[in-house]
Amino acid sequence: MAEASLDVSVVICTYTAARWHDLVAAVESLHRQSKPPREIIVVVDHNQCLLERVHAELLGVVVVENSESQGLSGARNSGIAVARGALLAFLDDDAAAEPDWLARLCQCFEDARILGVGGTVVPAWSSKPPLWFPREFYWVIGCSYQDLPEKPVVVRNPLGGCACYRREMFEMVGGFRPEIGRVGTLPMGCEETELCIRASQRWPQKIFLYEPQARIHHHIPLSRASWHYFRTRCFAEGLSKATVTQFVGSKDALLTERTYIIRTLLGGMVRGVMNGILHLDGTGFAQAGAIAAGLTITIAGYATGIIARRFTRPKEMNR
């Protein structure tokens, strides 16, 4: 791959006016970057009223409509199609980036091996987070769940709403698959996982990084702090992982998940139980129980997805 000139286009995808104030804050955070983006692209996902409002009220942005099928993957692909930067960054419409977010992400691309870089997603809770909600499951709310390393580390894939990629990657392996990812409020995911695995299979010598100092703050509404959302999102994640295996194979699709279960989840359960016993802290027992329940529900979703595949006509896979 040729060296990127390090100019960056930032894509924000949005679908509902209910997040208008968050969207405005997201755009404003990009205008305050120490490394200004070449352009800010706001993609509106099949919502004509919202499209007109963005055109009328948001200044300093390129506004486009999702020209593909409804959903986050199609919206991101629509943004990629019009972006002019050598690097393409993605920010969620309900998140605000710290001023050095882009600078820290782009700095990593000085290494020619880097295909993409992700940062840290910090939860900005609308209300006090529930005591039972374990840090190990912060991915449920779209936030970073691992302990922060001291320096950038190699990862399988960054979190989709806080990431930056080389344009050439999309030109060579294609965009986000419309069969995977969130559509409206349906809490599916893993579109960035499949994309990064697909790229790594094409270029085994290339890598993705996690830059912990590149931070965004993700607004977490009260509805996502509920047990209902927790279990629904876990089940949907299992279904999504089953779909990913359809395209990239189960070995690559689940490699990181095996390590996550053994090191992160089992460690979290042990820690929660020990806190409950040693400190007579019911929160520890509650979090350990939530970890066990979340893992069980996610596995159930994955099994459901695998079984469903066997009774449906397999889709053509493009490697």
Foldseek 3Di string as FASTA:
>chain_A
DDQFPLAEEEEEEDEDCVLVVLLQQAVVLQVLAPRHHPAYEYEYFPDVVVQVCCVVPPPRHHYYYQPDHFFDQSRVQVVLVPDDGQKYWAAYSRKHWHRHQSVLFSVVSVDVLEFKEFEFEAEDEPDPFDLLAALLLCVLQQGDSDDDDPFKDFDLFYRRNGMMGGSVLCVVQNTFDPVFHGGPPQQTHCSRNLSSLSSCVVPVSHTYIYGHVGYMYGYGYPVCSDPVSLLSNLLNHLLRLLVSCLARNPCSSCVVVVVSCVPPLVVLLVVLVCCCVPVVDVSSNSNSVSSVSSVVSNNVSNVVNNVVCVVDDRDDYDD
